[in-house]
Amino acid sequence: MTSSGSVPGAHDFDVLSSRTVYSGAILALRLDRVVMPGGKVAEREVIEHHGAVAVAALDENDNLVLINQYRHPIGRRLLELPAGLLDEQGEDPVEAAKRELAEETGLAAREWSVLVDVALSPGFTDEALRVYLATGLYETDRPDPEGEEADLQILRMPLGDAVRAALAGEITNATAVAGVTALMTARSTGATLRPADAPWPGMPTAFLDRKAREKSAPQ
């Protein structure tokens, strides 16, 4: 029992009110007033985000397809998995992953499965991502890249080298670290991966729902 007499793990964190501070192109910031155990009310800052999908694309030689892309918030390039936002209402996540793989690398894949789901920073955001494993790679049309993607480099790295690079701090993108280590773990343990259409209870929807409401609101 806690000092307030409640059973740990049984409290309902009811939201008394919610106020939007900012709503932009890829995220919104809101302030929630939440009932804490014992009855106190605390304010919590929450960032709503589209969420994303990423692809651990593995070729027939056990090489992982990576991209080296500039990320403006940190002012440098990172080695990453091909990835993109879930910014289309109702789009199947695996279809979004197929689109991003083609757009960023000019590749498609014959076999798809779910590798790992990640809540990226649940202390302040609902942002989550799903990483797929894609095998049976082949070339496909790649649209003309724009923005940062016009500068990205595409490379292939042996899976073992990618794991070592993550452990050495040379791959630090959270999505890539999660995908690389999950793939090696699945390999070493013989774990069965989920099908590509497996349910994703943690897929964020709040921001897309917000944008839909804003679009339909009277002007």
N, C-alpha and C. Protein backbone atom coordinates (compact mmCIF):
# COMPACT_ATOMS: atom_id res chain seq x y z
N MET A 1 0.84 -1.20 0.00
CA MET A 1 0.00 0.00 0.00
C MET A 1 0.88 1.25 0.00
N THR A 2 0.44 2.30 -0.66
CA THR A 2 1.14 3.57 -0.64
C THR A 2 0.68 4.37 0.56
N SER A 3 1.36 5.51 0.77
CA SER A 3 1.00 6.36 1.90
C SER A 3 -0.42 6.90 1.79
N SER A 4 -0.95 6.96 0.56
CA SER A 4 -2.31 7.47 0.37
C SER A 4 -3.36 6.39 0.55
N GLY A 5 -2.90 5.12 0.73
CA GLY A 5 -3.83 4.03 0.91
C GLY A 5 -4.25 3.35 -0.38
N SER A 6 -3.78 3.82 -1.53
CA SER A 6 -4.13 3.21 -2.80
C SER A 6 -3.24 2.01 -3.08
N VAL A 7 -3.72 1.11 -3.91
CA VAL A 7 -2.95 -0.06 -4.31
C VAL A 7 -2.09 0.32 -5.51
N PRO A 8 -0.77 0.13 -5.44
CA PRO A 8 0.09 0.49 -6.58
C PRO A 8 -0.37 -0.22 -7.86
N GLY A 9 -0.45 0.53 -8.93
CA GLY A 9 -0.85 -0.03 -10.21
C GLY A 9 -2.33 -0.02 -10.46
N ALA A 10 -3.14 0.47 -9.51
CA ALA A 10 -4.59 0.43 -9.65
C ALA A 10 -5.22 1.81 -9.85
N HIS A 11 -4.43 2.87 -9.80
CA HIS A 11 -4.99 4.23 -9.89
C HIS A 11 -5.38 4.57 -11.32
N ASP A 12 -6.51 5.25 -11.46
CA ASP A 12 -6.94 5.80 -12.74
C ASP A 12 -6.50 7.25 -12.83
N PHE A 13 -5.64 7.56 -13.76
CA PHE A 13 -5.12 8.91 -13.91
C PHE A 13 -6.08 9.74 -14.76
N ASP A 14 -7.17 10.14 -14.15
CA ASP A 14 -8.21 10.88 -14.88
C ASP A 14 -7.70 12.26 -15.31
N VAL A 15 -8.07 12.66 -16.51
CA VAL A 15 -7.72 13.98 -17.04
C VAL A 15 -8.90 14.92 -16.79
N LEU A 16 -8.65 15.96 -15.99
CA LEU A 16 -9.71 16.91 -15.66
C LEU A 16 -9.92 17.94 -16.76
N SER A 17 -8.82 18.33 -17.41
CA SER A 17 -8.92 19.31 -18.48
C SER A 17 -7.70 19.20 -19.37
N SER A 18 -7.83 19.69 -20.59
CA SER A 18 -6.73 19.65 -21.55
C SER A 18 -6.75 20.93 -22.37
N ARG A 19 -5.58 21.55 -22.51
CA ARG A 19 -5.50 22.82 -23.23
C ARG A 19 -4.39 22.76 -24.27
N THR A 20 -4.71 23.15 -25.52
CA THR A 20 -3.72 23.16 -26.59
C THR A 20 -2.88 24.42 -26.51
N VAL A 21 -1.57 24.25 -26.47
CA VAL A 21 -0.65 25.37 -26.46
C VAL A 21 -0.17 25.68 -27.88
N TYR A 22 0.06 24.64 -28.66
CA TYR A 22 0.58 24.83 -30.02
C TYR A 22 0.18 23.63 -30.87
N SER A 23 -0.17 23.90 -32.13
CA SER A 23 -0.44 22.82 -33.08
C SER A 23 0.22 23.19 -34.40
N GLY A 24 1.18 22.37 -34.84
CA GLY A 24 1.93 22.65 -36.04
C GLY A 24 1.78 21.56 -37.09
N ALA A 25 2.80 21.45 -37.95
CA ALA A 25 2.72 20.52 -39.07
C ALA A 25 2.96 19.07 -38.65
N ILE A 26 3.85 18.84 -37.68
CA ILE A 26 4.17 17.46 -37.32
C ILE A 26 3.94 17.15 -35.85
N LEU A 27 3.55 18.15 -35.06
CA LEU A 27 3.30 17.88 -33.64
C LEU A 27 2.40 18.95 -33.05
N ALA A 28 1.85 18.62 -31.89
CA ALA A 28 1.08 19.57 -31.10
C ALA A 28 1.51 19.43 -29.65
N LEU A 29 1.44 20.55 -28.91
CA LEU A 29 1.74 20.54 -27.49
C LEU A 29 0.46 20.89 -26.74
N ARG A 30 0.10 20.04 -25.78
CA ARG A 30 -1.06 20.32 -24.95
C ARG A 30 -0.68 20.20 -23.48
N LEU A 31 -1.46 20.84 -22.62
CA LEU A 31 -1.29 20.75 -21.18
C LEU A 31 -2.50 20.04 -20.59
N ASP A 32 -2.24 18.92 -19.93
CA ASP A 32 -3.30 18.15 -19.28
C ASP A 32 -3.23 18.33 -17.77
N ARG A 33 -4.38 18.46 -17.12
CA ARG A 33 -4.47 18.44 -15.66
C ARG A 33 -4.94 17.05 -15.26
N VAL A 34 -4.06 16.32 -14.54
CA VAL A 34 -4.26 14.89 -14.29
C VAL A 34 -4.34 14.63 -12.78
N VAL A 35 -5.29 13.79 -12.38
CA VAL A 35 -5.45 13.43 -10.98
C VAL A 35 -4.39 12.39 -10.60
N MET A 36 -3.58 12.72 -9.60
CA MET A 36 -2.53 11.83 -9.12
C MET A 36 -3.06 10.96 -7.97
N PRO A 37 -2.36 9.86 -7.64
CA PRO A 37 -2.73 9.10 -6.44
C PRO A 37 -2.76 10.00 -5.21
N GLY A 38 -3.78 9.87 -4.40
CA GLY A 38 -3.94 10.73 -3.23
C GLY A 38 -4.81 11.92 -3.49
N GLY A 39 -5.18 12.15 -4.77
CA GLY A 39 -6.12 13.20 -5.10
C GLY A 39 -5.52 14.50 -5.59
N LYS A 40 -4.21 14.68 -5.49
CA LYS A 40 -3.61 15.91 -5.99
C LYS A 40 -3.72 15.97 -7.51
N VAL A 41 -3.75 17.20 -8.03
CA VAL A 41 -3.83 17.41 -9.47
C VAL A 41 -2.51 17.98 -9.97
N ALA A 42 -1.95 17.36 -11.00
CA ALA A 42 -0.69 17.80 -11.57
C ALA A 42 -0.88 18.15 -13.04
N GLU A 43 -0.08 19.10 -13.51
CA GLU A 43 -0.12 19.48 -14.91
C GLU A 43 0.97 18.73 -15.66
N ARG A 44 0.62 18.14 -16.79
CA ARG A 44 1.55 17.37 -17.59
C ARG A 44 1.59 17.93 -19.02
N GLU A 45 2.81 18.21 -19.50
CA GLU A 45 3.01 18.65 -20.88
C GLU A 45 3.07 17.41 -21.77
N VAL A 46 2.27 17.41 -22.83
CA VAL A 46 2.20 16.26 -23.72
C VAL A 46 2.40 16.72 -25.16
N ILE A 47 3.33 16.08 -25.85
CA ILE A 47 3.53 16.34 -27.27
C ILE A 47 2.83 15.23 -28.06
N GLU A 48 1.88 15.62 -28.88
CA GLU A 48 1.23 14.68 -29.79
C GLU A 48 2.05 14.62 -31.08
N HIS A 49 2.24 13.43 -31.61
CA HIS A 49 3.09 13.25 -32.79
C HIS A 49 2.44 12.25 -33.73
N HIS A 50 2.79 12.35 -35.01
CA HIS A 50 2.25 11.41 -35.99
C HIS A 50 2.59 9.96 -35.66
N GLY A 51 3.77 9.72 -35.13
CA GLY A 51 4.30 8.37 -35.09
C GLY A 51 4.99 8.06 -36.40
N ALA A 52 5.67 6.91 -36.46
CA ALA A 52 6.48 6.62 -37.64
C ALA A 52 6.64 5.13 -37.84
N VAL A 53 7.12 4.78 -39.02
CA VAL A 53 7.52 3.42 -39.34
C VAL A 53 8.95 3.45 -39.85
N ALA A 54 9.66 2.35 -39.65
CA ALA A 54 11.03 2.23 -40.14
C ALA A 54 11.22 0.82 -40.68
N VAL A 55 12.28 0.66 -41.48
CA VAL A 55 12.50 -0.62 -42.16
C VAL A 55 13.94 -1.08 -41.96
N ALA A 56 14.07 -2.27 -41.36
CA ALA A 56 15.37 -2.96 -41.35
C ALA A 56 15.39 -3.85 -42.59
N ALA A 57 15.96 -3.32 -43.66
CA ALA A 57 15.99 -4.02 -44.95
C ALA A 57 17.29 -4.81 -45.05
N LEU A 58 17.17 -6.12 -45.16
CA LEU A 58 18.33 -7.00 -45.12
C LEU A 58 18.45 -7.71 -46.47
N ASP A 59 19.64 -7.57 -47.10
CA ASP A 59 19.81 -8.19 -48.42
C ASP A 59 20.26 -9.65 -48.30
N GLU A 60 20.47 -10.28 -49.44
CA GLU A 60 20.80 -11.71 -49.46
C GLU A 60 22.18 -12.01 -48.89
N ASN A 61 23.02 -10.98 -48.75
CA ASN A 61 24.35 -11.16 -48.16
C ASN A 61 24.41 -10.75 -46.70
N ASP A 62 23.26 -10.59 -46.08
CA ASP A 62 23.15 -10.20 -44.67
C ASP A 62 23.64 -8.78 -44.42
N ASN A 63 23.53 -7.94 -45.43
CA ASN A 63 23.85 -6.52 -45.27
C ASN A 63 22.58 -5.74 -44.97
N LEU A 64 22.69 -4.82 -44.03
CA LEU A 64 21.59 -3.95 -43.66
C LEU A 64 21.67 -2.66 -44.47
N VAL A 65 20.54 -2.25 -45.04
CA VAL A 65 20.50 -1.00 -45.81
C VAL A 65 20.31 0.16 -44.84
N LEU A 66 21.26 1.08 -44.84
CA LEU A 66 21.22 2.25 -43.96
C LEU A 66 21.25 3.51 -44.80
N ILE A 67 20.81 4.60 -44.21
CA ILE A 67 20.95 5.91 -44.83
C ILE A 67 21.71 6.83 -43.87
N ASN A 68 22.45 7.75 -44.45
CA ASN A 68 23.17 8.76 -43.67
C ASN A 68 22.50 10.09 -43.98
N GLN A 69 21.78 10.64 -43.01
CA GLN A 69 20.88 11.77 -43.28
C GLN A 69 21.11 12.90 -42.28
N TYR A 70 21.06 14.13 -42.79
CA TYR A 70 21.19 15.31 -41.93
C TYR A 70 19.92 15.50 -41.11
N ARG A 71 20.12 15.76 -39.80
CA ARG A 71 19.01 16.03 -38.90
C ARG A 71 19.22 17.39 -38.27
N HIS A 72 18.37 18.34 -38.67
CA HIS A 72 18.60 19.73 -38.29
C HIS A 72 18.54 19.98 -36.78
N PRO A 73 17.62 19.39 -36.02
CA PRO A 73 17.58 19.69 -34.58
C PRO A 73 18.89 19.41 -33.86
N ILE A 74 19.67 18.42 -34.32
CA ILE A 74 20.95 18.15 -33.67
C ILE A 74 22.13 18.62 -34.51
N GLY A 75 21.85 19.14 -35.71
CA GLY A 75 22.89 19.77 -36.52
C GLY A 75 23.95 18.84 -37.08
N ARG A 76 23.61 17.58 -37.30
CA ARG A 76 24.60 16.66 -37.88
C ARG A 76 23.88 15.49 -38.56
N ARG A 77 24.66 14.71 -39.29
CA ARG A 77 24.13 13.55 -39.99
C ARG A 77 24.15 12.32 -39.08
N LEU A 78 23.16 11.45 -39.27
CA LEU A 78 23.06 10.22 -38.49
C LEU A 78 22.88 9.03 -39.43
N LEU A 79 23.48 7.90 -39.03
CA LEU A 79 23.17 6.64 -39.69
C LEU A 79 21.83 6.15 -39.18
N GLU A 80 20.92 5.85 -40.11
CA GLU A 80 19.56 5.52 -39.74
C GLU A 80 19.02 4.39 -40.60
N LEU A 81 17.91 3.82 -40.17
CA LEU A 81 17.10 2.97 -41.02
C LEU A 81 16.19 3.84 -41.88
N PRO A 82 15.86 3.41 -43.09
CA PRO A 82 14.83 4.13 -43.84
C PRO A 82 13.56 4.23 -43.00
N ALA A 83 12.96 5.42 -42.95
CA ALA A 83 11.82 5.63 -42.06
C ALA A 83 11.00 6.82 -42.52
N GLY A 84 9.79 6.92 -41.99
CA GLY A 84 8.96 8.06 -42.33
C GLY A 84 7.75 8.16 -41.41
N LEU A 85 7.07 9.30 -41.49
CA LEU A 85 5.94 9.57 -40.62
C LEU A 85 4.67 8.84 -41.06
N LEU A 86 3.83 8.57 -40.09
CA LEU A 86 2.48 8.07 -40.35
C LEU A 86 1.55 9.28 -40.44
N ASP A 87 1.62 9.97 -41.56
CA ASP A 87 0.92 11.26 -41.67
C ASP A 87 -0.27 11.22 -42.63
N GLU A 88 -0.74 10.02 -42.97
CA GLU A 88 -1.92 9.89 -43.82
C GLU A 88 -3.01 9.18 -43.02
N GLN A 89 -4.14 9.84 -42.84
CA GLN A 89 -5.24 9.26 -42.07
C GLN A 89 -5.66 7.92 -42.66
N GLY A 90 -5.68 6.88 -41.83
CA GLY A 90 -6.16 5.58 -42.26
C GLY A 90 -5.16 4.73 -43.03
N GLU A 91 -3.95 5.22 -43.26
CA GLU A 91 -2.98 4.44 -44.02
C GLU A 91 -2.47 3.25 -43.20
N ASP A 92 -2.40 2.10 -43.85
CA ASP A 92 -1.85 0.90 -43.21
C ASP A 92 -0.37 1.14 -42.94
N PRO A 93 0.11 0.91 -41.70
CA PRO A 93 1.52 1.17 -41.40
C PRO A 93 2.50 0.43 -42.32
N VAL A 94 2.19 -0.81 -42.69
CA VAL A 94 3.13 -1.54 -43.54
C VAL A 94 3.17 -0.93 -44.95
N GLU A 95 2.07 -0.38 -45.41
CA GLU A 95 2.08 0.30 -46.71
C GLU A 95 2.91 1.57 -46.63
N ALA A 96 2.83 2.27 -45.49
CA ALA A 96 3.68 3.44 -45.30
C ALA A 96 5.15 3.05 -45.29
N ALA A 97 5.48 1.91 -44.67
CA ALA A 97 6.86 1.44 -44.64
C ALA A 97 7.35 1.10 -46.04
N LYS A 98 6.52 0.46 -46.83
CA LYS A 98 6.89 0.14 -48.22
C LYS A 98 7.16 1.41 -49.01
N ARG A 99 6.31 2.42 -48.82
CA ARG A 99 6.49 3.69 -49.51
C ARG A 99 7.80 4.35 -49.11
N GLU A 100 8.10 4.37 -47.82
CA GLU A 100 9.32 5.03 -47.36
C GLU A 100 10.57 4.30 -47.84
N LEU A 101 10.54 2.98 -47.85
CA LEU A 101 11.69 2.23 -48.34
C LEU A 101 11.97 2.58 -49.80
N ALA A 102 10.92 2.66 -50.60
CA ALA A 102 11.09 3.01 -52.01
C ALA A 102 11.57 4.44 -52.18
N GLU A 103 10.97 5.38 -51.43
CA GLU A 103 11.32 6.79 -51.57
C GLU A 103 12.76 7.08 -51.16
N GLU A 104 13.23 6.41 -50.12
CA GLU A 104 14.55 6.74 -49.59
C GLU A 104 15.68 5.90 -50.18
N THR A 105 15.35 4.70 -50.67
CA THR A 105 16.43 3.82 -51.15
C THR A 105 16.22 3.27 -52.55
N GLY A 106 15.02 3.42 -53.12
CA GLY A 106 14.76 2.82 -54.42
C GLY A 106 14.65 1.30 -54.35
N LEU A 107 14.25 0.77 -53.20
CA LEU A 107 14.14 -0.67 -53.01
C LEU A 107 12.72 -1.06 -52.62
N ALA A 108 12.37 -2.29 -52.93
CA ALA A 108 11.14 -2.91 -52.46
C ALA A 108 11.53 -4.28 -51.90
N ALA A 109 10.58 -4.94 -51.24
CA ALA A 109 10.87 -6.23 -50.61
C ALA A 109 9.70 -7.19 -50.80
N ARG A 110 10.04 -8.47 -50.89
CA ARG A 110 9.02 -9.49 -51.07
C ARG A 110 8.45 -9.99 -49.75
N GLU A 111 9.26 -9.97 -48.68
CA GLU A 111 8.80 -10.49 -47.39
C GLU A 111 8.87 -9.39 -46.33
N TRP A 112 7.78 -9.31 -45.56
CA TRP A 112 7.70 -8.29 -44.51
C TRP A 112 7.21 -8.93 -43.21
N SER A 113 7.78 -8.49 -42.09
CA SER A 113 7.31 -8.90 -40.77
C SER A 113 7.59 -7.78 -39.78
N VAL A 114 6.90 -7.83 -38.65
CA VAL A 114 7.11 -6.83 -37.60
C VAL A 114 8.33 -7.23 -36.79
N LEU A 115 9.27 -6.31 -36.66
CA LEU A 115 10.48 -6.58 -35.88
C LEU A 115 10.33 -6.12 -34.43
N VAL A 116 9.94 -4.85 -34.22
CA VAL A 116 9.82 -4.34 -32.86
C VAL A 116 8.97 -3.07 -32.87
N ASP A 117 8.22 -2.85 -31.79
CA ASP A 117 7.46 -1.62 -31.56
C ASP A 117 8.12 -0.85 -30.42
N VAL A 118 8.20 0.47 -30.56
CA VAL A 118 8.92 1.28 -29.58
C VAL A 118 8.10 2.52 -29.23
N ALA A 119 7.91 2.77 -27.92
CA ALA A 119 7.41 4.06 -27.43
C ALA A 119 8.65 4.92 -27.18
N LEU A 120 8.84 5.95 -27.97
CA LEU A 120 10.14 6.61 -28.03
C LEU A 120 10.50 7.41 -26.80
N SER A 121 9.58 8.18 -26.25
CA SER A 121 9.88 8.95 -25.04
C SER A 121 8.57 9.20 -24.30
N PRO A 122 8.00 8.16 -23.68
CA PRO A 122 6.65 8.24 -23.14
C PRO A 122 6.49 9.15 -21.94
N GLY A 123 7.59 9.73 -21.45
CA GLY A 123 7.47 10.68 -20.36
C GLY A 123 6.84 12.00 -20.79
N PHE A 124 6.86 12.29 -22.11
CA PHE A 124 6.26 13.55 -22.55
C PHE A 124 5.63 13.49 -23.94
N THR A 125 5.71 12.36 -24.64
CA THR A 125 5.12 12.31 -25.97
C THR A 125 4.50 10.95 -26.23
N ASP A 126 3.45 10.96 -27.08
CA ASP A 126 2.84 9.69 -27.50
C ASP A 126 3.53 9.13 -28.73
N GLU A 127 4.63 9.74 -29.19
CA GLU A 127 5.32 9.29 -30.39
C GLU A 127 5.75 7.83 -30.24
N ALA A 128 5.40 7.03 -31.22
CA ALA A 128 5.78 5.63 -31.23
C ALA A 128 6.14 5.24 -32.65
N LEU A 129 6.89 4.15 -32.78
CA LEU A 129 7.25 3.70 -34.11
C LEU A 129 7.21 2.19 -34.16
N ARG A 130 7.02 1.70 -35.35
CA ARG A 130 7.09 0.27 -35.62
C ARG A 130 8.21 0.04 -36.62
N VAL A 131 9.09 -0.90 -36.30
CA VAL A 131 10.18 -1.27 -37.20
C VAL A 131 9.82 -2.61 -37.85
N TYR A 132 9.88 -2.64 -39.17
CA TYR A 132 9.62 -3.86 -39.92
C TYR A 132 10.93 -4.47 -40.40
N LEU A 133 10.95 -5.78 -40.51
CA LEU A 133 12.03 -6.48 -41.21
C LEU A 133 11.57 -6.73 -42.64
N ALA A 134 12.39 -6.33 -43.60
CA ALA A 134 12.08 -6.53 -45.01
C ALA A 134 13.20 -7.33 -45.66
N THR A 135 12.85 -8.42 -46.31
CA THR A 135 13.84 -9.25 -47.00
C THR A 135 13.34 -9.56 -48.41
N GLY A 136 14.21 -10.19 -49.18
CA GLY A 136 13.88 -10.40 -50.59
C GLY A 136 13.87 -9.08 -51.33
N LEU A 137 14.95 -8.32 -51.19
CA LEU A 137 15.00 -6.96 -51.73
C LEU A 137 15.18 -6.96 -53.25
N TYR A 138 14.57 -5.97 -53.89
CA TYR A 138 14.79 -5.75 -55.32
C TYR A 138 14.60 -4.26 -55.60
N GLU A 139 15.14 -3.82 -56.73
CA GLU A 139 15.09 -2.40 -57.07
C GLU A 139 13.72 -2.01 -57.60
N THR A 140 13.33 -0.77 -57.29
CA THR A 140 12.06 -0.22 -57.77
C THR A 140 12.26 1.26 -58.05
N ASP A 141 11.25 1.91 -58.61
CA ASP A 141 11.37 3.34 -58.91
C ASP A 141 11.50 4.15 -57.63
N ARG A 142 12.36 5.15 -57.68
CA ARG A 142 12.54 6.06 -56.55
C ARG A 142 12.17 7.47 -56.99
N PRO A 143 11.21 8.10 -56.33
CA PRO A 143 10.85 9.48 -56.68
C PRO A 143 12.04 10.43 -56.48
N ASP A 144 12.02 11.55 -57.18
CA ASP A 144 13.07 12.54 -56.98
C ASP A 144 13.03 13.03 -55.53
N PRO A 145 14.15 12.92 -54.82
CA PRO A 145 14.16 13.32 -53.40
C PRO A 145 14.10 14.83 -53.23
N GLU A 146 13.53 15.26 -52.11
CA GLU A 146 13.42 16.68 -51.79
C GLU A 146 13.92 16.93 -50.37
N GLY A 147 14.23 18.21 -50.07
CA GLY A 147 14.65 18.58 -48.72
C GLY A 147 15.91 17.85 -48.31
N GLU A 148 15.96 17.45 -47.05
CA GLU A 148 17.14 16.73 -46.54
C GLU A 148 17.40 15.44 -47.30
N GLU A 149 16.32 14.83 -47.83
CA GLU A 149 16.49 13.56 -48.51
C GLU A 149 17.30 13.69 -49.80
N ALA A 150 17.38 14.91 -50.36
CA ALA A 150 18.18 15.11 -51.56
C ALA A 150 19.67 14.96 -51.27
N ASP A 151 20.04 14.99 -50.00
CA ASP A 151 21.44 14.91 -49.59
C ASP A 151 21.79 13.57 -48.95
N LEU A 152 20.81 12.70 -48.73
CA LEU A 152 21.11 11.49 -47.97
C LEU A 152 21.95 10.51 -48.78
N GLN A 153 22.79 9.78 -48.06
CA GLN A 153 23.62 8.73 -48.65
C GLN A 153 23.02 7.38 -48.31
N ILE A 154 23.06 6.46 -49.25
CA ILE A 154 22.58 5.10 -49.05
C ILE A 154 23.78 4.17 -48.99
N LEU A 155 23.83 3.33 -47.97
CA LEU A 155 24.94 2.39 -47.83
C LEU A 155 24.45 1.07 -47.28
N ARG A 156 25.28 0.06 -47.42
CA ARG A 156 24.97 -1.26 -46.87
C ARG A 156 26.07 -1.66 -45.91
N MET A 157 25.65 -2.22 -44.77
CA MET A 157 26.59 -2.59 -43.73
C MET A 157 26.24 -3.98 -43.22
N PRO A 158 27.22 -4.87 -43.09
CA PRO A 158 26.93 -6.19 -42.50
C PRO A 158 26.22 -6.04 -41.16
N LEU A 159 25.22 -6.90 -40.92
CA LEU A 159 24.43 -6.78 -39.70
C LEU A 159 25.31 -6.79 -38.46
N GLY A 160 26.28 -7.66 -38.41
CA GLY A 160 27.17 -7.71 -37.25
C GLY A 160 27.91 -6.41 -37.04
N ASP A 161 28.36 -5.78 -38.13
CA ASP A 161 29.05 -4.50 -38.02
C ASP A 161 28.10 -3.41 -37.53
N ALA A 162 26.82 -3.48 -37.95
CA ALA A 162 25.85 -2.49 -37.50
C ALA A 162 25.61 -2.61 -36.01
N VAL A 163 25.54 -3.83 -35.50
CA VAL A 163 25.38 -4.03 -34.06
C VAL A 163 26.58 -3.46 -33.31
N ARG A 164 27.79 -3.75 -33.81
CA ARG A 164 28.99 -3.24 -33.16
C ARG A 164 29.02 -1.71 -33.21
N ALA A 165 28.55 -1.14 -34.33
CA ALA A 165 28.52 0.32 -34.44
C ALA A 165 27.55 0.93 -33.44
N ALA A 166 26.42 0.26 -33.21
CA ALA A 166 25.46 0.75 -32.21
C ALA A 166 26.06 0.70 -30.82
N LEU A 167 26.74 -0.40 -30.49
CA LEU A 167 27.33 -0.54 -29.16
C LEU A 167 28.51 0.40 -28.97
N ALA A 168 29.14 0.81 -30.07
CA ALA A 168 30.29 1.72 -29.99
C ALA A 168 29.86 3.18 -30.00
N GLY A 169 28.55 3.45 -30.11
CA GLY A 169 28.08 4.83 -30.14
C GLY A 169 28.21 5.48 -31.50
N GLU A 170 28.41 4.68 -32.54
CA GLU A 170 28.53 5.22 -33.89
C GLU A 170 27.17 5.27 -34.58
N ILE A 171 26.26 4.42 -34.19
CA ILE A 171 24.86 4.51 -34.59
C ILE A 171 24.09 4.88 -33.33
N THR A 172 23.53 6.09 -33.31
CA THR A 172 22.85 6.58 -32.11
C THR A 172 21.37 6.90 -32.34
N ASN A 173 20.93 6.91 -33.58
CA ASN A 173 19.51 7.11 -33.84
C ASN A 173 18.71 6.03 -33.13
N ALA A 174 17.72 6.42 -32.32
CA ALA A 174 17.01 5.46 -31.47
C ALA A 174 16.32 4.38 -32.30
N THR A 175 15.74 4.76 -33.42
CA THR A 175 15.07 3.79 -34.27
C THR A 175 16.05 2.75 -34.79
N ALA A 176 17.21 3.22 -35.25
CA ALA A 176 18.21 2.30 -35.78
C ALA A 176 18.76 1.39 -34.69
N VAL A 177 19.04 1.93 -33.52
CA VAL A 177 19.55 1.11 -32.42
C VAL A 177 18.54 0.02 -32.06
N ALA A 178 17.27 0.40 -31.96
CA ALA A 178 16.23 -0.57 -31.62
C ALA A 178 16.11 -1.64 -32.70
N GLY A 179 16.10 -1.21 -33.95
CA GLY A 179 15.93 -2.16 -35.04
C GLY A 179 17.10 -3.11 -35.19
N VAL A 180 18.31 -2.57 -35.11
CA VAL A 180 19.51 -3.38 -35.28
C VAL A 180 19.64 -4.41 -34.16
N THR A 181 19.46 -3.96 -32.93
CA THR A 181 19.62 -4.89 -31.81
C THR A 181 18.48 -5.90 -31.74
N ALA A 182 17.26 -5.48 -32.10
CA ALA A 182 16.15 -6.42 -32.12
C ALA A 182 16.37 -7.50 -33.19
N LEU A 183 16.88 -7.10 -34.34
CA LEU A 183 17.12 -8.06 -35.40
C LEU A 183 18.18 -9.08 -35.00
N MET A 184 19.27 -8.62 -34.42
CA MET A 184 20.31 -9.55 -34.00
C MET A 184 19.81 -10.45 -32.88
N THR A 185 19.01 -9.91 -31.97
CA THR A 185 18.45 -10.72 -30.89
C THR A 185 17.50 -11.79 -31.43
N ALA A 186 16.66 -11.40 -32.38
CA ALA A 186 15.75 -12.37 -32.99
C ALA A 186 16.53 -13.48 -33.68
N ARG A 187 17.61 -13.10 -34.35
CA ARG A 187 18.46 -14.10 -35.01
C ARG A 187 19.08 -15.07 -34.01
N SER A 188 19.62 -14.52 -32.93
CA SER A 188 20.37 -15.35 -31.99
C SER A 188 19.48 -16.22 -31.11
N THR A 189 18.23 -15.80 -30.92
CA THR A 189 17.33 -16.56 -30.05
C THR A 189 16.35 -17.42 -30.83
N GLY A 190 16.27 -17.21 -32.13
CA GLY A 190 15.31 -17.95 -32.93
C GLY A 190 13.88 -17.51 -32.70
N ALA A 191 13.70 -16.29 -32.23
CA ALA A 191 12.36 -15.78 -31.94
C ALA A 191 11.54 -15.69 -33.22
N THR A 192 10.25 -15.98 -33.10
CA THR A 192 9.33 -15.86 -34.23
C THR A 192 8.80 -14.44 -34.31
N LEU A 193 8.98 -13.80 -35.45
CA LEU A 193 8.50 -12.43 -35.62
C LEU A 193 7.00 -12.42 -35.95
N ARG A 194 6.37 -11.30 -35.60
CA ARG A 194 4.95 -11.14 -35.88
C ARG A 194 4.71 -10.85 -37.36
N PRO A 195 3.54 -11.22 -37.88
CA PRO A 195 3.23 -10.90 -39.28
C PRO A 195 3.13 -9.39 -39.48
N ALA A 196 3.29 -8.96 -40.72
CA ALA A 196 3.31 -7.53 -41.03
C ALA A 196 2.03 -6.81 -40.64
N ASP A 197 0.92 -7.55 -40.61
CA ASP A 197 -0.36 -6.93 -40.27
C ASP A 197 -0.75 -7.14 -38.81
N ALA A 198 0.22 -7.45 -37.96
CA ALA A 198 -0.07 -7.66 -36.53
C ALA A 198 -0.65 -6.40 -35.91
N PRO A 199 -1.58 -6.53 -34.97
CA PRO A 199 -2.15 -5.34 -34.30
C PRO A 199 -1.06 -4.49 -33.66
N TRP A 200 -1.32 -3.19 -33.63
CA TRP A 200 -0.38 -2.24 -33.02
C TRP A 200 -1.16 -1.34 -32.06
N PRO A 201 -1.40 -1.80 -30.85
CA PRO A 201 -2.21 -1.01 -29.90
C PRO A 201 -1.61 0.35 -29.58
N GLY A 202 -0.29 0.47 -29.65
CA GLY A 202 0.36 1.72 -29.28
C GLY A 202 0.51 2.72 -30.41
N MET A 203 -0.07 2.44 -31.58
CA MET A 203 0.07 3.39 -32.69
C MET A 203 -0.62 4.71 -32.34
N PRO A 204 0.11 5.84 -32.41
CA PRO A 204 -0.51 7.11 -32.02
C PRO A 204 -1.53 7.58 -33.05
N THR A 205 -2.63 8.14 -32.55
CA THR A 205 -3.69 8.64 -33.43
C THR A 205 -4.14 10.05 -33.05
N ALA A 206 -3.75 10.55 -31.88
CA ALA A 206 -4.30 11.82 -31.38
C ALA A 206 -4.00 12.98 -32.32
N PHE A 207 -2.77 13.02 -32.87
CA PHE A 207 -2.42 14.18 -33.69
C PHE A 207 -3.15 14.16 -35.03
N LEU A 208 -3.23 12.99 -35.68
CA LEU A 208 -3.98 12.92 -36.93
C LEU A 208 -5.46 13.21 -36.70
N ASP A 209 -6.02 12.74 -35.58
CA ASP A 209 -7.41 13.06 -35.27
C ASP A 209 -7.58 14.57 -35.09
N ARG A 210 -6.61 15.20 -34.45
CA ARG A 210 -6.65 16.65 -34.25
C ARG A 210 -6.65 17.37 -35.60
N LYS A 211 -5.75 16.96 -36.50
CA LYS A 211 -5.65 17.61 -37.81
C LYS A 211 -6.95 17.44 -38.60
N ALA A 212 -7.56 16.27 -38.47
CA ALA A 212 -8.83 16.03 -39.16
C ALA A 212 -9.92 16.95 -38.63
N ARG A 213 -9.95 17.15 -37.31
CA ARG A 213 -10.94 18.06 -36.72
C ARG A 213 -10.69 19.49 -37.17
N GLU A 214 -9.43 19.90 -37.20
CA GLU A 214 -9.09 21.25 -37.63
C GLU A 214 -9.48 21.49 -39.08
N LYS A 215 -9.29 20.46 -39.90
CA LYS A 215 -9.60 20.60 -41.33
C LYS A 215 -11.10 20.71 -41.56
N SER A 216 -11.88 20.01 -40.73
CA SER A 216 -13.34 20.00 -40.93
C SER A 216 -14.05 21.12 -40.18
N ALA A 217 -13.33 21.85 -39.33
CA ALA A 217 -13.97 22.92 -38.55
C ALA A 217 -14.37 24.07 -39.45
N PRO A 218 -15.50 24.72 -39.17
CA PRO A 218 -15.93 25.88 -39.96
C PRO A 218 -14.89 26.99 -39.91
N GLN A 219 -14.67 27.64 -41.05
CA GLN A 219 -13.69 28.72 -41.12
C GLN A 219 -14.33 30.04 -40.71
